[in-house]
Amino acid sequence: MPTEQDIIALRSRVAELERRLDFLYKKLGIEYIDNPSSIDSRIIEFLKRGNKIEAIKIYRELTNTGLAEAKQAVDSIEARLGL
Protein backbone atom coordinates (compact mmCIF):
# COMPACT_ATOMS: atom_id res chain seq x y z
CA MET A 1 0.00 0.00 0.00
CA PRO A 2 1.43 3.39 -0.99
CA THR A 3 2.33 5.80 1.75
CA GLU A 4 1.29 9.44 1.94
CA GLN A 5 4.78 10.40 0.80
CA ASP A 6 4.47 8.09 -2.25
CA ILE A 7 1.17 9.72 -3.20
CA ILE A 8 2.65 13.22 -2.85
CA ALA A 9 5.61 12.22 -5.03
CA LEU A 10 3.30 10.75 -7.69
CA ARG A 11 1.10 13.86 -7.73
CA SER A 12 4.18 16.01 -8.13
CA ARG A 13 5.41 13.85 -11.01
CA VAL A 14 2.01 13.96 -12.75
CA ALA A 15 1.91 17.74 -12.41
CA GLU A 16 5.39 18.01 -13.93
CA LEU A 17 4.42 15.76 -16.84
CA GLU A 18 1.29 17.83 -17.44
CA ARG A 19 3.38 21.03 -17.55
CA ARG A 20 5.77 19.45 -20.05
CA LEU A 21 2.92 18.23 -22.22
CA ASP A 22 1.31 21.68 -22.18
CA PHE A 23 4.64 23.18 -23.19
CA LEU A 24 4.95 20.77 -26.12
CA TYR A 25 1.40 21.46 -27.30
CA LYS A 26 2.07 25.21 -27.25
CA LYS A 27 5.48 24.87 -28.90
CA LEU A 28 4.05 22.70 -31.69
CA GLY A 29 0.92 24.80 -32.04
CA ILE A 30 -1.34 21.84 -31.36
CA GLU A 31 -4.72 22.18 -29.74
CA TYR A 32 -5.70 19.16 -27.69
CA ILE A 33 -9.33 18.22 -28.01
CA ASP A 34 -10.33 15.77 -25.31
CA ASN A 35 -13.77 15.07 -26.71
CA PRO A 36 -14.17 15.13 -30.52
CA SER A 37 -17.87 15.87 -30.04
CA SER A 38 -16.79 19.26 -28.70
CA ILE A 39 -15.56 20.16 -32.20
CA ASP A 40 -18.00 22.41 -34.01
CA SER A 41 -20.07 20.18 -36.28
CA ARG A 42 -19.62 22.59 -39.20
CA ILE A 43 -15.88 21.99 -39.15
CA ILE A 44 -16.41 18.24 -39.28
CA GLU A 45 -18.96 18.53 -42.09
CA PHE A 46 -16.69 20.71 -44.22
CA LEU A 47 -13.81 18.29 -43.67
CA LYS A 48 -15.99 15.33 -44.64
CA ARG A 49 -16.89 17.16 -47.86
CA GLY A 50 -13.24 17.85 -48.57
CA ASN A 51 -13.65 21.61 -48.07
CA LYS A 52 -10.77 22.34 -45.72
CA ILE A 53 -10.77 26.06 -46.54
CA GLU A 54 -14.30 26.50 -45.16
CA ALA A 55 -13.39 24.41 -42.11
CA ILE A 56 -10.43 26.72 -41.47
CA LYS A 57 -12.64 29.80 -41.86
CA ILE A 58 -15.09 28.46 -39.30
CA TYR A 59 -12.26 27.55 -36.94
CA ARG A 60 -10.81 31.07 -37.23
CA GLU A 61 -14.20 32.62 -36.50
CA LEU A 62 -14.68 30.48 -33.42
CA THR A 63 -11.19 30.80 -31.97
CA ASN A 64 -9.98 34.17 -33.28
CA THR A 65 -6.68 32.60 -34.39
CA GLY A 66 -4.45 33.40 -37.33
CA LEU A 67 -4.53 31.53 -40.60
CA ALA A 68 -1.46 29.37 -39.95
CA GLU A 69 -2.63 28.37 -36.47
CA ALA A 70 -6.14 27.61 -37.71
CA LYS A 71 -4.82 25.50 -40.59
CA GLN A 72 -2.60 23.54 -38.23
CA ALA A 73 -5.48 22.98 -35.81
CA VAL A 74 -7.85 21.87 -38.59
CA ASP A 75 -5.16 19.55 -39.98
CA SER A 76 -4.83 18.08 -36.49
CA ILE A 77 -8.61 17.65 -36.16
CA GLU A 78 -8.73 16.00 -39.58
CA ALA A 79 -5.96 13.57 -38.66
CA ARG A 80 -7.47 12.67 -35.28
CA LEU A 81 -10.85 12.01 -36.79
CA GLY A 82 -9.32 10.02 -39.66
CA LEU A 83 -10.96 12.14 -42.34
PDB file of N, CA and C in Angstrom:
ATOM      1  N   MET A   1       0.839  -1.171   0.000  1.00  0.00           N
ATOM      2  CA  MET A   1       0.000   0.000   0.000  1.00  0.00           C
ATOM      3  C   MET A   1       0.891   1.244   0.000  1.00  0.00           C
ATOM      4  N   PRO A   2       0.587   2.192  -0.913  1.00  0.00           N
ATOM      5  CA  PRO A   2       1.430   3.389  -0.988  1.00  0.00           C
ATOM      6  C   PRO A   2       1.260   4.284   0.243  1.00  0.00           C
ATOM      7  N   THR A   3       2.353   4.882   0.602  1.00  0.00           N
ATOM      8  CA  THR A   3       2.333   5.795   1.745  1.00  0.00           C
ATOM      9  C   THR A   3       1.915   7.190   1.282  1.00  0.00           C
ATOM     10  N   GLU A   4       1.647   8.054   2.242  1.00  0.00           N
ATOM     11  CA  GLU A   4       1.285   9.444   1.941  1.00  0.00           C
ATOM     12  C   GLU A   4       2.395  10.118   1.142  1.00  0.00           C
ATOM     13  N   GLN A   5       3.632   9.815   1.493  1.00  0.00           N
ATOM     14  CA  GLN A   5       4.782  10.399   0.799  1.00  0.00           C
ATOM     15  C   GLN A   5       4.833   9.907  -0.651  1.00  0.00           C
ATOM     16  N   ASP A   6       4.520   8.631  -0.889  1.00  0.00           N
ATOM     17  CA  ASP A   6       4.472   8.091  -2.248  1.00  0.00           C
ATOM     18  C   ASP A   6       3.421   8.819  -3.091  1.00  0.00           C
ATOM     19  N   ILE A   7       2.266   9.054  -2.496  1.00  0.00           N
ATOM     20  CA  ILE A   7       1.173   9.723  -3.202  1.00  0.00           C
ATOM     21  C   ILE A   7       1.562  11.161  -3.538  1.00  0.00           C
ATOM     22  N   ILE A   8       2.192  11.849  -2.606  1.00  0.00           N
ATOM     23  CA  ILE A   8       2.646  13.217  -2.852  1.00  0.00           C
ATOM     24  C   ILE A   8       3.664  13.239  -3.988  1.00  0.00           C
ATOM     25  N   ALA A   9       4.589  12.293  -3.974  1.00  0.00           N
ATOM     26  CA  ALA A   9       5.606  12.223  -5.026  1.00  0.00           C
ATOM     27  C   ALA A   9       4.968  11.942  -6.384  1.00  0.00           C
ATOM     28  N   LEU A  10       3.977  11.053  -6.426  1.00  0.00           N
ATOM     29  CA  LEU A  10       3.295  10.749  -7.686  1.00  0.00           C
ATOM     30  C   LEU A  10       2.512  11.955  -8.208  1.00  0.00           C
ATOM     31  N   ARG A  11       1.843  12.655  -7.316  1.00  0.00           N
ATOM     32  CA  ARG A  11       1.101  13.857  -7.728  1.00  0.00           C
ATOM     33  C   ARG A  11       2.045  14.910  -8.292  1.00  0.00           C
ATOM     34  N   SER A  12       3.182  15.057  -7.668  1.00  0.00           N
ATOM     35  CA  SER A  12       4.181  16.013  -8.133  1.00  0.00           C
ATOM     36  C   SER A  12       4.680  15.622  -9.524  1.00  0.00           C
ATOM     37  N   ARG A  13       4.923  14.351  -9.709  1.00  0.00           N
ATOM     38  CA  ARG A  13       5.409  13.849 -11.014  1.00  0.00           C
ATOM     39  C   ARG A  13       4.347  14.052 -12.094  1.00  0.00           C
ATOM     40  N   VAL A  14       3.100  13.768 -11.784  1.00  0.00           N
ATOM     41  CA  VAL A  14       2.010  13.962 -12.746  1.00  0.00           C
ATOM     42  C   VAL A  14       1.896  15.435 -13.112  1.00  0.00           C
ATOM     43  N   ALA A  15       1.990  16.311 -12.139  1.00  0.00           N
ATOM     44  CA  ALA A  15       1.911  17.744 -12.409  1.00  0.00           C
ATOM     45  C   ALA A  15       3.050  18.193 -13.317  1.00  0.00           C
ATOM     46  N   GLU A  16       4.246  17.680 -13.085  1.00  0.00           N
ATOM     47  CA  GLU A  16       5.391  18.010 -13.931  1.00  0.00           C
ATOM     48  C   GLU A  16       5.179  17.502 -15.363  1.00  0.00           C
ATOM     49  N   LEU A  17       4.681  16.299 -15.501  1.00  0.00           N
ATOM     50  CA  LEU A  17       4.415  15.758 -16.835  1.00  0.00           C
ATOM     51  C   LEU A  17       3.341  16.563 -17.563  1.00  0.00           C
ATOM     52  N   GLU A  18       2.329  17.005 -16.841  1.00  0.00           N
ATOM     53  CA  GLU A  18       1.291  17.835 -17.443  1.00  0.00           C
ATOM     54  C   GLU A  18       1.858  19.163 -17.923  1.00  0.00           C
ATOM     55  N   ARG A  19       2.745  19.775 -17.137  1.00  0.00           N
ATOM     56  CA  ARG A  19       3.385  21.031 -17.552  1.00  0.00           C
ATOM     57  C   ARG A  19       4.212  20.827 -18.812  1.00  0.00           C
ATOM     58  N   ARG A  20       4.945  19.732 -18.868  1.00  0.00           N
ATOM     59  CA  ARG A  20       5.766  19.451 -20.049  1.00  0.00           C
ATOM     60  C   ARG A  20       4.903  19.215 -21.282  1.00  0.00           C
ATOM     61  N   LEU A  21       3.823  18.495 -21.108  1.00  0.00           N
ATOM     62  CA  LEU A  21       2.917  18.231 -22.216  1.00  0.00           C
ATOM     63  C   LEU A  21       2.282  19.524 -22.718  1.00  0.00           C
ATOM     64  N   ASP A  22       1.854  20.378 -21.801  1.00  0.00           N
ATOM     65  CA  ASP A  22       1.305  21.678 -22.182  1.00  0.00           C
ATOM     66  C   ASP A  22       2.331  22.493 -22.960  1.00  0.00           C
ATOM     67  N   PHE A  23       3.579  22.466 -22.500  1.00  0.00           N
ATOM     68  CA  PHE A  23       4.641  23.179 -23.194  1.00  0.00           C
ATOM     69  C   PHE A  23       4.789  22.662 -24.626  1.00  0.00           C
ATOM     70  N   LEU A  24       4.804  21.353 -24.785  1.00  0.00           N
ATOM     71  CA  LEU A  24       4.947  20.773 -26.122  1.00  0.00           C
ATOM     72  C   LEU A  24       3.777  21.137 -27.027  1.00  0.00           C
ATOM     73  N   TYR A  25       2.565  21.067 -26.506  1.00  0.00           N
ATOM     74  CA  TYR A  25       1.398  21.458 -27.299  1.00  0.00           C
ATOM     75  C   TYR A  25       1.529  22.902 -27.772  1.00  0.00           C
ATOM     76  N   LYS A  26       1.918  23.798 -26.875  1.00  0.00           N
ATOM     77  CA  LYS A  26       2.066  25.205 -27.247  1.00  0.00           C
ATOM     78  C   LYS A  26       3.193  25.391 -28.244  1.00  0.00           C
ATOM     79  N   LYS A  27       4.309  24.738 -28.018  1.00  0.00           N
ATOM     80  CA  LYS A  27       5.476  24.868 -28.899  1.00  0.00           C
ATOM     81  C   LYS A  27       5.165  24.358 -30.304  1.00  0.00           C
ATOM     82  N   LEU A  28       4.398  23.285 -30.391  1.00  0.00           N
ATOM     83  CA  LEU A  28       4.054  22.698 -31.687  1.00  0.00           C
ATOM     84  C   LEU A  28       2.791  23.306 -32.288  1.00  0.00           C
ATOM     85  N   GLY A  29       2.133  24.160 -31.534  1.00  0.00           N
ATOM     86  CA  GLY A  29       0.923  24.797 -32.036  1.00  0.00           C
ATOM     87  C   GLY A  29      -0.236  23.836 -32.179  1.00  0.00           C
ATOM     88  N   ILE A  30      -0.299  22.862 -31.301  1.00  0.00           N
ATOM     89  CA  ILE A  30      -1.342  21.843 -31.358  1.00  0.00           C
ATOM     90  C   ILE A  30      -2.392  22.134 -30.295  1.00  0.00           C
ATOM     91  N   GLU A  31      -3.637  22.021 -30.699  1.00  0.00           N
ATOM     92  CA  GLU A  31      -4.721  22.179 -29.738  1.00  0.00           C
ATOM     93  C   GLU A  31      -5.234  20.787 -29.389  1.00  0.00           C
ATOM     94  N   TYR A  32      -5.204  20.455 -28.124  1.00  0.00           N
ATOM     95  CA  TYR A  32      -5.698  19.157 -27.685  1.00  0.00           C
ATOM     96  C   TYR A  32      -7.210  19.223 -27.516  1.00  0.00           C
ATOM     97  N   ILE A  33      -7.882  18.294 -28.145  1.00  0.00           N
ATOM     98  CA  ILE A  33      -9.333  18.215 -28.007  1.00  0.00           C
ATOM     99  C   ILE A  33      -9.644  16.884 -27.349  1.00  0.00           C
ATOM    100  N   ASP A  34     -10.071  16.971 -26.098  1.00  0.00           N
ATOM    101  CA  ASP A  34     -10.335  15.769 -25.312  1.00  0.00           C
ATOM    102  C   ASP A  34     -11.515  14.996 -25.860  1.00  0.00           C
ATOM    103  N   ASN A  35     -12.536  15.703 -26.260  1.00  0.00           N
ATOM    104  CA  ASN A  35     -13.766  15.069 -26.712  1.00  0.00           C
ATOM    105  C   ASN A  35     -14.083  15.552 -28.127  1.00  0.00           C
ATOM    106  N   PRO A  36     -13.909  14.698 -29.152  1.00  0.00           N
ATOM    107  CA  PRO A  36     -14.173  15.131 -30.520  1.00  0.00           C
ATOM    108  C   PRO A  36     -15.577  15.698 -30.716  1.00  0.00           C
ATOM    109  N   SER A  37     -16.517  15.329 -29.873  1.00  0.00           N
ATOM    110  CA  SER A  37     -17.867  15.866 -30.037  1.00  0.00           C
ATOM    111  C   SER A  37     -17.915  17.348 -29.669  1.00  0.00           C
ATOM    112  N   SER A  38     -16.843  17.837 -29.023  1.00  0.00           N
ATOM    113  CA  SER A  38     -16.785  19.263 -28.700  1.00  0.00           C
ATOM    114  C   SER A  38     -16.342  20.099 -29.890  1.00  0.00           C
ATOM    115  N   ILE A  39     -15.924  19.450 -30.977  1.00  0.00           N
ATOM    116  CA  ILE A  39     -15.555  20.156 -32.200  1.00  0.00           C
ATOM    117  C   ILE A  39     -16.837  20.623 -32.877  1.00  0.00           C
ATOM    118  N   ASP A  40     -16.832  21.864 -33.323  1.00  0.00           N
ATOM    119  CA  ASP A  40     -18.003  22.406 -34.006  1.00  0.00           C
ATOM    120  C   ASP A  40     -18.371  21.489 -35.180  1.00  0.00           C
ATOM    121  N   SER A  41     -19.620  21.127 -35.254  1.00  0.00           N
ATOM    122  CA  SER A  41     -20.075  20.176 -36.279  1.00  0.00           C
ATOM    123  C   SER A  41     -19.867  20.700 -37.692  1.00  0.00           C
ATOM    124  N   ARG A  42     -19.853  22.024 -37.859  1.00  0.00           N
ATOM    125  CA  ARG A  42     -19.624  22.586 -39.196  1.00  0.00           C
ATOM    126  C   ARG A  42     -18.216  22.279 -39.683  1.00  0.00           C
ATOM    127  N   ILE A  43     -17.259  22.310 -38.775  1.00  0.00           N
ATOM    128  CA  ILE A  43     -15.882  21.990 -39.155  1.00  0.00           C
ATOM    129  C   ILE A  43     -15.799  20.550 -39.640  1.00  0.00           C
ATOM    130  N   ILE A  44     -16.418  19.651 -38.901  1.00  0.00           N
ATOM    131  CA  ILE A  44     -16.406  18.236 -39.281  1.00  0.00           C
ATOM    132  C   ILE A  44     -17.096  18.033 -40.619  1.00  0.00           C
ATOM    133  N   GLU A  45     -18.226  18.676 -40.821  1.00  0.00           N
ATOM    134  CA  GLU A  45     -18.959  18.534 -42.085  1.00  0.00           C
ATOM    135  C   GLU A  45     -18.133  19.029 -43.267  1.00  0.00           C
ATOM    136  N   PHE A  46     -17.506  20.190 -43.124  1.00  0.00           N
ATOM    137  CA  PHE A  46     -16.687  20.708 -44.221  1.00  0.00           C
ATOM    138  C   PHE A  46     -15.503  19.778 -44.502  1.00  0.00           C
ATOM    139  N   LEU A  47     -14.916  19.218 -43.461  1.00  0.00           N
ATOM    140  CA  LEU A  47     -13.806  18.286 -43.667  1.00  0.00           C
ATOM    141  C   LEU A  47     -14.280  17.022 -44.365  1.00  0.00           C
ATOM    142  N   LYS A  48     -15.446  16.520 -43.990  1.00  0.00           N
ATOM    143  CA  LYS A  48     -15.993  15.327 -44.644  1.00  0.00           C
ATOM    144  C   LYS A  48     -16.246  15.572 -46.124  1.00  0.00           C
ATOM    145  N   ARG A  49     -16.626  16.796 -46.456  1.00  0.00           N
ATOM    146  CA  ARG A  49     -16.895  17.158 -47.857  1.00  0.00           C
ATOM    147  C   ARG A  49     -15.618  17.506 -48.614  1.00  0.00           C
ATOM    148  N   GLY A  50     -14.501  17.521 -47.921  1.00  0.00           N
ATOM    149  CA  GLY A  50     -13.242  17.852 -48.570  1.00  0.00           C
ATOM    150  C   GLY A  50     -13.013  19.347 -48.713  1.00  0.00           C
ATOM    151  N   ASN A  51     -13.750  20.153 -47.977  1.00  0.00           N
ATOM    152  CA  ASN A  51     -13.648  21.607 -48.069  1.00  0.00           C
ATOM    153  C   ASN A  51     -12.910  22.146 -46.841  1.00  0.00           C
ATOM    154  N   LYS A  52     -11.594  21.944 -46.853  1.00  0.00           N
ATOM    155  CA  LYS A  52     -10.773  22.338 -45.717  1.00  0.00           C
ATOM    156  C   LYS A  52     -10.745  23.854 -45.541  1.00  0.00           C
ATOM    157  N   ILE A  53     -10.812  24.595 -46.632  1.00  0.00           N
ATOM    158  CA  ILE A  53     -10.768  26.057 -46.538  1.00  0.00           C
ATOM    159  C   ILE A  53     -11.934  26.585 -45.704  1.00  0.00           C
ATOM    160  N   GLU A  54     -13.133  26.070 -45.947  1.00  0.00           N
ATOM    161  CA  GLU A  54     -14.296  26.503 -45.163  1.00  0.00           C
ATOM    162  C   GLU A  54     -14.163  26.074 -43.708  1.00  0.00           C
ATOM    163  N   ALA A  55     -13.602  24.886 -43.488  1.00  0.00           N
ATOM    164  CA  ALA A  55     -13.387  24.414 -42.114  1.00  0.00           C
ATOM    165  C   ALA A  55     -12.431  25.355 -41.376  1.00  0.00           C
ATOM    166  N   ILE A  56     -11.394  25.797 -42.069  1.00  0.00           N
ATOM    167  CA  ILE A  56     -10.430  26.724 -41.473  1.00  0.00           C
ATOM    168  C   ILE A  56     -11.097  28.066 -41.173  1.00  0.00           C
ATOM    169  N   LYS A  57     -11.929  28.534 -42.093  1.00  0.00           N
ATOM    170  CA  LYS A  57     -12.644  29.798 -41.863  1.00  0.00           C
ATOM    171  C   LYS A  57     -13.505  29.718 -40.606  1.00  0.00           C
ATOM    172  N   ILE A  58     -14.242  28.636 -40.479  1.00  0.00           N
ATOM    173  CA  ILE A  58     -15.092  28.465 -39.296  1.00  0.00           C
ATOM    174  C   ILE A  58     -14.232  28.413 -38.040  1.00  0.00           C
ATOM    175  N   TYR A  59     -13.154  27.658 -38.093  1.00  0.00           N
ATOM    176  CA  TYR A  59     -12.264  27.549 -36.936  1.00  0.00           C
ATOM    177  C   TYR A  59     -11.740  28.923 -36.533  1.00  0.00           C
ATOM    178  N   ARG A  60     -11.330  29.723 -37.518  1.00  0.00           N
ATOM    179  CA  ARG A  60     -10.814  31.067 -37.230  1.00  0.00           C
ATOM    180  C   ARG A  60     -11.879  31.938 -36.591  1.00  0.00           C
ATOM    181  N   GLU A  61     -13.102  31.834 -37.078  1.00  0.00           N
ATOM    182  CA  GLU A  61     -14.200  32.622 -36.503  1.00  0.00           C
ATOM    183  C   GLU A  61     -14.443  32.246 -35.043  1.00  0.00           C
ATOM    184  N   LEU A  62     -14.385  30.960 -34.772  1.00  0.00           N
ATOM    185  CA  LEU A  62     -14.679  30.478 -33.422  1.00  0.00           C
ATOM    186  C   LEU A  62     -13.560  30.763 -32.424  1.00  0.00           C
ATOM    187  N   THR A  63     -12.323  30.721 -32.902  1.00  0.00           N
ATOM    188  CA  THR A  63     -11.190  30.798 -31.971  1.00  0.00           C
ATOM    189  C   THR A  63     -10.398  32.095 -32.068  1.00  0.00           C
ATOM    190  N   ASN A  64     -10.690  32.899 -33.079  1.00  0.00           N
ATOM    191  CA  ASN A  64      -9.979  34.166 -33.283  1.00  0.00           C
ATOM    192  C   ASN A  64      -8.474  33.939 -33.408  1.00  0.00           C
ATOM    193  N   THR A  65      -8.084  32.912 -34.167  1.00  0.00           N
ATOM    194  CA  THR A  65      -6.678  32.603 -34.387  1.00  0.00           C
ATOM    195  C   THR A  65      -6.276  33.031 -35.790  1.00  0.00           C
ATOM    196  N   GLY A  66      -4.982  33.060 -36.019  1.00  0.00           N
ATOM    197  CA  GLY A  66      -4.451  33.395 -37.329  1.00  0.00           C
ATOM    198  C   GLY A  66      -4.621  32.236 -38.295  1.00  0.00           C
ATOM    199  N   LEU A  67      -4.341  32.532 -39.551  1.00  0.00           N
ATOM    200  CA  LEU A  67      -4.526  31.530 -40.601  1.00  0.00           C
ATOM    201  C   LEU A  67      -3.651  30.297 -40.389  1.00  0.00           C
ATOM    202  N   ALA A  68      -2.371  30.516 -40.121  1.00  0.00           N
ATOM    203  CA  ALA A  68      -1.459  29.374 -39.946  1.00  0.00           C
ATOM    204  C   ALA A  68      -1.871  28.500 -38.765  1.00  0.00           C
ATOM    205  N   GLU A  69      -2.229  29.133 -37.657  1.00  0.00           N
ATOM    206  CA  GLU A  69      -2.631  28.368 -36.473  1.00  0.00           C
ATOM    207  C   GLU A  69      -3.934  27.614 -36.723  1.00  0.00           C
ATOM    208  N   ALA A  70      -4.860  28.260 -37.412  1.00  0.00           N
ATOM    209  CA  ALA A  70      -6.138  27.610 -37.707  1.00  0.00           C
ATOM    210  C   ALA A  70      -5.935  26.430 -38.643  1.00  0.00           C
ATOM    211  N   LYS A  71      -5.085  26.597 -39.657  1.00  0.00           N
ATOM    212  CA  LYS A  71      -4.824  25.496 -40.586  1.00  0.00           C
ATOM    213  C   LYS A  71      -4.203  24.316 -39.848  1.00  0.00           C
ATOM    214  N   GLN A  72      -3.251  24.607 -38.988  1.00  0.00           N
ATOM    215  CA  GLN A  72      -2.599  23.540 -38.225  1.00  0.00           C
ATOM    216  C   GLN A  72      -3.604  22.820 -37.324  1.00  0.00           C
ATOM    217  N   ALA A  73      -4.477  23.582 -36.691  1.00  0.00           N
ATOM    218  CA  ALA A  73      -5.485  22.984 -35.812  1.00  0.00           C
ATOM    219  C   ALA A  73      -6.461  22.130 -36.606  1.00  0.00           C
ATOM    220  N   VAL A  74      -6.906  22.626 -37.762  1.00  0.00           N
ATOM    221  CA  VAL A  74      -7.852  21.869 -38.592  1.00  0.00           C
ATOM    222  C   VAL A  74      -7.172  20.623 -39.149  1.00  0.00           C
ATOM    223  N   ASP A  75      -5.907  20.742 -39.533  1.00  0.00           N
ATOM    224  CA  ASP A  75      -5.163  19.548 -39.979  1.00  0.00           C
ATOM    225  C   ASP A  75      -5.106  18.511 -38.869  1.00  0.00           C
ATOM    226  N   SER A  76      -4.885  18.979 -37.643  1.00  0.00           N
ATOM    227  CA  SER A  76      -4.831  18.080 -36.494  1.00  0.00           C
ATOM    228  C   SER A  76      -6.191  17.418 -36.257  1.00  0.00           C
ATOM    229  N   ILE A  77      -7.252  18.188 -36.337  1.00  0.00           N
ATOM    230  CA  ILE A  77      -8.614  17.650 -36.164  1.00  0.00           C
ATOM    231  C   ILE A  77      -8.871  16.599 -37.241  1.00  0.00           C
ATOM    232  N   GLU A  78      -8.523  16.920 -38.469  1.00  0.00           N
ATOM    233  CA  GLU A  78      -8.729  16.005 -39.584  1.00  0.00           C
ATOM    234  C   GLU A  78      -7.985  14.687 -39.357  1.00  0.00           C
ATOM    235  N   ALA A  79      -6.756  14.769 -38.892  1.00  0.00           N
ATOM    236  CA  ALA A  79      -5.962  13.566 -38.661  1.00  0.00           C
ATOM    237  C   ALA A  79      -6.536  12.730 -37.519  1.00  0.00           C
ATOM    238  N   ARG A  80      -6.920  13.405 -36.426  1.00  0.00           N
ATOM    239  CA  ARG A  80      -7.465  12.669 -35.279  1.00  0.00           C
ATOM    240  C   ARG A  80      -8.767  11.972 -35.593  1.00  0.00           C
ATOM    241  N   LEU A  81      -9.565  12.615 -36.438  1.00  0.00           N
ATOM    242  CA  LEU A  81     -10.854  12.012 -36.788  1.00  0.00           C
ATOM    243  C   LEU A  81     -10.736  11.040 -37.952  1.00  0.00           C
ATOM    244  N   GLY A  82      -9.550  10.950 -38.546  1.00  0.00           N
ATOM    245  CA  GLY A  82      -9.323  10.023 -39.656  1.00  0.00           C
ATOM    246  C   GLY A  82     -10.094  10.398 -40.908  1.00  0.00           C
ATOM    247  N   LEU A  83     -10.202  11.686 -41.162  1.00  0.00           N
ATOM    248  CA  LEU A  83     -10.963  12.140 -42.340  1.00  0.00           C
ATOM    249  C   LEU A  83     -10.034  12.412 -43.510  1.00  0.00           C
TER     250      LEU A  83
END
